[in-house]
Amino acid sequence: MSAAEGEIRRLMARGLDLYGVGQVREATECWRRVLALDPDHAEARDFLQTAAGEAEAPAKAGRDAVVEE
């Protein structure tokens, strides 16, 4: 395994650990670093898409909420 492959494995695992405890921003940073090393890394792209979708959901829910006064 090359040094880059080892770093990619480490970053992917770290991203999953962070994501699992709700640190989405930090997790996405790990996966972006993976893509900097390997722009074609499909799993990192998938994880980023999933995280982005989840980040949009609460924001959209907040915009759609009805506020009663």
N, C-alpha and C. Protein backbone atom coordinates (compact mmCIF):
# COMPACT_ATOMS: atom_id res chain seq x y z
N MET A 1 0.86 -1.18 0.00
CA MET A 1 0.00 0.00 0.00
C MET A 1 0.90 1.24 0.00
N SER A 2 0.57 2.18 -0.87
CA SER A 2 1.35 3.41 -0.93
C SER A 2 0.98 4.34 0.23
N ALA A 3 1.79 5.36 0.40
CA ALA A 3 1.52 6.34 1.47
C ALA A 3 0.18 7.04 1.23
N ALA A 4 -0.11 7.35 -0.04
CA ALA A 4 -1.38 8.03 -0.36
C ALA A 4 -2.56 7.12 -0.05
N GLU A 5 -2.45 5.82 -0.37
CA GLU A 5 -3.53 4.88 -0.08
C GLU A 5 -3.76 4.75 1.42
N GLY A 6 -2.69 4.74 2.18
CA GLY A 6 -2.81 4.68 3.63
C GLY A 6 -3.49 5.92 4.19
N GLU A 7 -3.13 7.06 3.66
CA GLU A 7 -3.74 8.33 4.10
C GLU A 7 -5.22 8.36 3.73
N ILE A 8 -5.56 7.87 2.56
CA ILE A 8 -6.96 7.83 2.14
C ILE A 8 -7.77 6.93 3.08
N ARG A 9 -7.23 5.77 3.39
CA ARG A 9 -7.93 4.86 4.32
C ARG A 9 -8.12 5.51 5.68
N ARG A 10 -7.08 6.18 6.17
CA ARG A 10 -7.15 6.85 7.47
C ARG A 10 -8.21 7.95 7.45
N LEU A 11 -8.20 8.76 6.39
CA LEU A 11 -9.16 9.87 6.29
C LEU A 11 -10.60 9.37 6.15
N MET A 12 -10.80 8.31 5.38
CA MET A 12 -12.14 7.75 5.23
C MET A 12 -12.66 7.25 6.58
N ALA A 13 -11.83 6.51 7.30
CA ALA A 13 -12.24 5.99 8.62
C ALA A 13 -12.49 7.13 9.59
N ARG A 14 -11.62 8.11 9.60
CA ARG A 14 -11.79 9.26 10.50
C ARG A 14 -13.08 10.01 10.18
N GLY A 15 -13.35 10.19 8.90
CA GLY A 15 -14.59 10.84 8.49
C GLY A 15 -15.81 10.10 8.97
N LEU A 16 -15.80 8.78 8.85
CA LEU A 16 -16.93 7.98 9.33
C LEU A 16 -17.09 8.09 10.84
N ASP A 17 -15.98 8.06 11.55
CA ASP A 17 -16.05 8.21 13.01
C ASP A 17 -16.66 9.55 13.39
N LEU A 18 -16.20 10.61 12.75
CA LEU A 18 -16.71 11.95 13.04
C LEU A 18 -18.19 12.06 12.68
N TYR A 19 -18.55 11.53 11.53
CA TYR A 19 -19.94 11.57 11.08
C TYR A 19 -20.84 10.82 12.06
N GLY A 20 -20.34 9.72 12.57
CA GLY A 20 -21.11 8.90 13.50
C GLY A 20 -21.43 9.60 14.81
N VAL A 21 -20.62 10.58 15.19
CA VAL A 21 -20.87 11.32 16.43
C VAL A 21 -21.43 12.72 16.15
N GLY A 22 -21.88 12.92 14.91
CA GLY A 22 -22.56 14.17 14.57
C GLY A 22 -21.67 15.33 14.18
N GLN A 23 -20.39 15.08 13.99
CA GLN A 23 -19.48 16.15 13.59
C GLN A 23 -19.36 16.15 12.07
N VAL A 24 -20.45 16.56 11.43
CA VAL A 24 -20.57 16.46 9.99
C VAL A 24 -19.56 17.36 9.27
N ARG A 25 -19.39 18.56 9.73
CA ARG A 25 -18.46 19.49 9.07
C ARG A 25 -17.04 18.91 9.06
N GLU A 26 -16.62 18.37 10.18
CA GLU A 26 -15.28 17.79 10.27
C GLU A 26 -15.17 16.54 9.39
N ALA A 27 -16.23 15.75 9.36
CA ALA A 27 -16.25 14.55 8.52
C ALA A 27 -16.12 14.91 7.05
N THR A 28 -16.88 15.91 6.62
CA THR A 28 -16.81 16.29 5.21
C THR A 28 -15.43 16.83 4.85
N GLU A 29 -14.77 17.46 5.78
CA GLU A 29 -13.41 17.93 5.52
C GLU A 29 -12.47 16.75 5.25
N CYS A 30 -12.63 15.67 6.01
CA CYS A 30 -11.82 14.46 5.77
C CYS A 30 -12.08 13.93 4.36
N TRP A 31 -13.33 13.86 3.97
CA TRP A 31 -13.67 13.30 2.66
C TRP A 31 -13.23 14.23 1.53
N ARG A 32 -13.24 15.53 1.77
CA ARG A 32 -12.70 16.45 0.76
C ARG A 32 -11.20 16.25 0.59
N ARG A 33 -10.52 15.98 1.68
CA ARG A 33 -9.08 15.72 1.61
C ARG A 33 -8.81 14.43 0.83
N VAL A 34 -9.69 13.44 0.99
CA VAL A 34 -9.58 12.21 0.20
C VAL A 34 -9.68 12.55 -1.28
N LEU A 35 -10.65 13.38 -1.64
CA LEU A 35 -10.83 13.74 -3.05
C LEU A 35 -9.66 14.56 -3.58
N ALA A 36 -9.00 15.29 -2.72
CA ALA A 36 -7.80 16.02 -3.15
C ALA A 36 -6.69 15.03 -3.52
N LEU A 37 -6.64 13.90 -2.80
CA LEU A 37 -5.64 12.87 -3.09
C LEU A 37 -6.06 11.98 -4.25
N ASP A 38 -7.37 11.72 -4.35
CA ASP A 38 -7.91 10.84 -5.39
C ASP A 38 -9.25 11.40 -5.85
N PRO A 39 -9.23 12.26 -6.86
CA PRO A 39 -10.47 12.91 -7.33
C PRO A 39 -11.56 11.95 -7.79
N ASP A 40 -11.20 10.70 -8.08
CA ASP A 40 -12.18 9.73 -8.55
C ASP A 40 -12.67 8.78 -7.46
N HIS A 41 -12.41 9.10 -6.21
CA HIS A 41 -12.78 8.21 -5.11
C HIS A 41 -14.31 8.27 -4.93
N ALA A 42 -14.98 7.23 -5.44
CA ALA A 42 -16.45 7.21 -5.47
C ALA A 42 -17.07 7.22 -4.07
N GLU A 43 -16.50 6.49 -3.15
CA GLU A 43 -17.08 6.41 -1.81
C GLU A 43 -17.03 7.76 -1.10
N ALA A 44 -15.93 8.48 -1.23
CA ALA A 44 -15.83 9.81 -0.63
C ALA A 44 -16.87 10.75 -1.24
N ARG A 45 -17.06 10.67 -2.55
CA ARG A 45 -18.08 11.50 -3.22
C ARG A 45 -19.48 11.16 -2.69
N ASP A 46 -19.76 9.86 -2.55
CA ASP A 46 -21.07 9.44 -2.04
C ASP A 46 -21.31 9.96 -0.62
N PHE A 47 -20.30 9.83 0.23
CA PHE A 47 -20.44 10.30 1.61
C PHE A 47 -20.67 11.80 1.65
N LEU A 48 -19.96 12.55 0.81
CA LEU A 48 -20.15 14.00 0.77
C LEU A 48 -21.56 14.36 0.32
N GLN A 49 -22.07 13.64 -0.68
CA GLN A 49 -23.44 13.90 -1.15
C GLN A 49 -24.46 13.62 -0.05
N THR A 50 -24.28 12.53 0.65
CA THR A 50 -25.19 12.18 1.74
C THR A 50 -25.16 13.25 2.83
N ALA A 51 -23.96 13.65 3.22
CA ALA A 51 -23.82 14.66 4.27
C ALA A 51 -24.43 15.99 3.83
N ALA A 52 -24.25 16.36 2.56
CA ALA A 52 -24.81 17.61 2.05
C ALA A 52 -26.33 17.55 2.06
N GLY A 53 -26.90 16.41 1.71
CA GLY A 53 -28.35 16.25 1.73
C GLY A 53 -28.92 16.38 3.12
N GLU A 54 -28.22 15.83 4.10
CA GLU A 54 -28.67 15.93 5.48
C GLU A 54 -28.52 17.34 6.01
N ALA A 55 -27.51 18.05 5.56
CA ALA A 55 -27.32 19.43 6.01
C ALA A 55 -28.42 20.32 5.46
N GLU A 56 -28.91 20.02 4.25
CA GLU A 56 -29.98 20.82 3.65
C GLU A 56 -31.32 20.56 4.32
N ALA A 57 -31.57 19.34 4.75
CA ALA A 57 -32.87 18.97 5.31
C ALA A 57 -33.25 19.82 6.52
N PRO A 58 -32.37 19.99 7.53
CA PRO A 58 -32.76 20.84 8.67
C PRO A 58 -32.95 22.30 8.27
N ALA A 59 -32.13 22.77 7.33
CA ALA A 59 -32.26 24.16 6.90
C ALA A 59 -33.60 24.37 6.20
N LYS A 60 -33.97 23.44 5.34
CA LYS A 60 -35.24 23.53 4.65
C LYS A 60 -36.39 23.41 5.63
N ALA A 61 -36.28 22.52 6.59
CA ALA A 61 -37.33 22.37 7.60
C ALA A 61 -37.51 23.67 8.37
N GLY A 62 -36.43 24.33 8.65
CA GLY A 62 -36.49 25.60 9.37
C GLY A 62 -37.18 26.68 8.56
N ARG A 63 -36.93 26.69 7.26
CA ARG A 63 -37.57 27.68 6.38
C ARG A 63 -39.05 27.39 6.21
N ASP A 64 -39.40 26.11 6.23
CA ASP A 64 -40.79 25.72 6.00
C ASP A 64 -41.65 25.72 7.27
N ALA A 65 -41.02 25.91 8.39
CA ALA A 65 -41.75 25.85 9.65
C ALA A 65 -42.73 27.02 9.75
N VAL A 66 -43.87 26.74 10.34
CA VAL A 66 -44.87 27.78 10.56
C VAL A 66 -44.69 28.32 11.96
N VAL A 67 -44.57 29.61 12.04
CA VAL A 67 -44.38 30.25 13.34
C VAL A 67 -45.70 30.89 13.75
N GLU A 68 -46.20 30.51 14.90
CA GLU A 68 -47.45 31.09 15.41
C GLU A 68 -47.10 32.09 16.51
N GLU A 69 -47.78 33.19 16.48
CA GLU A 69 -47.54 34.21 17.49
C GLU A 69 -48.77 34.43 18.31
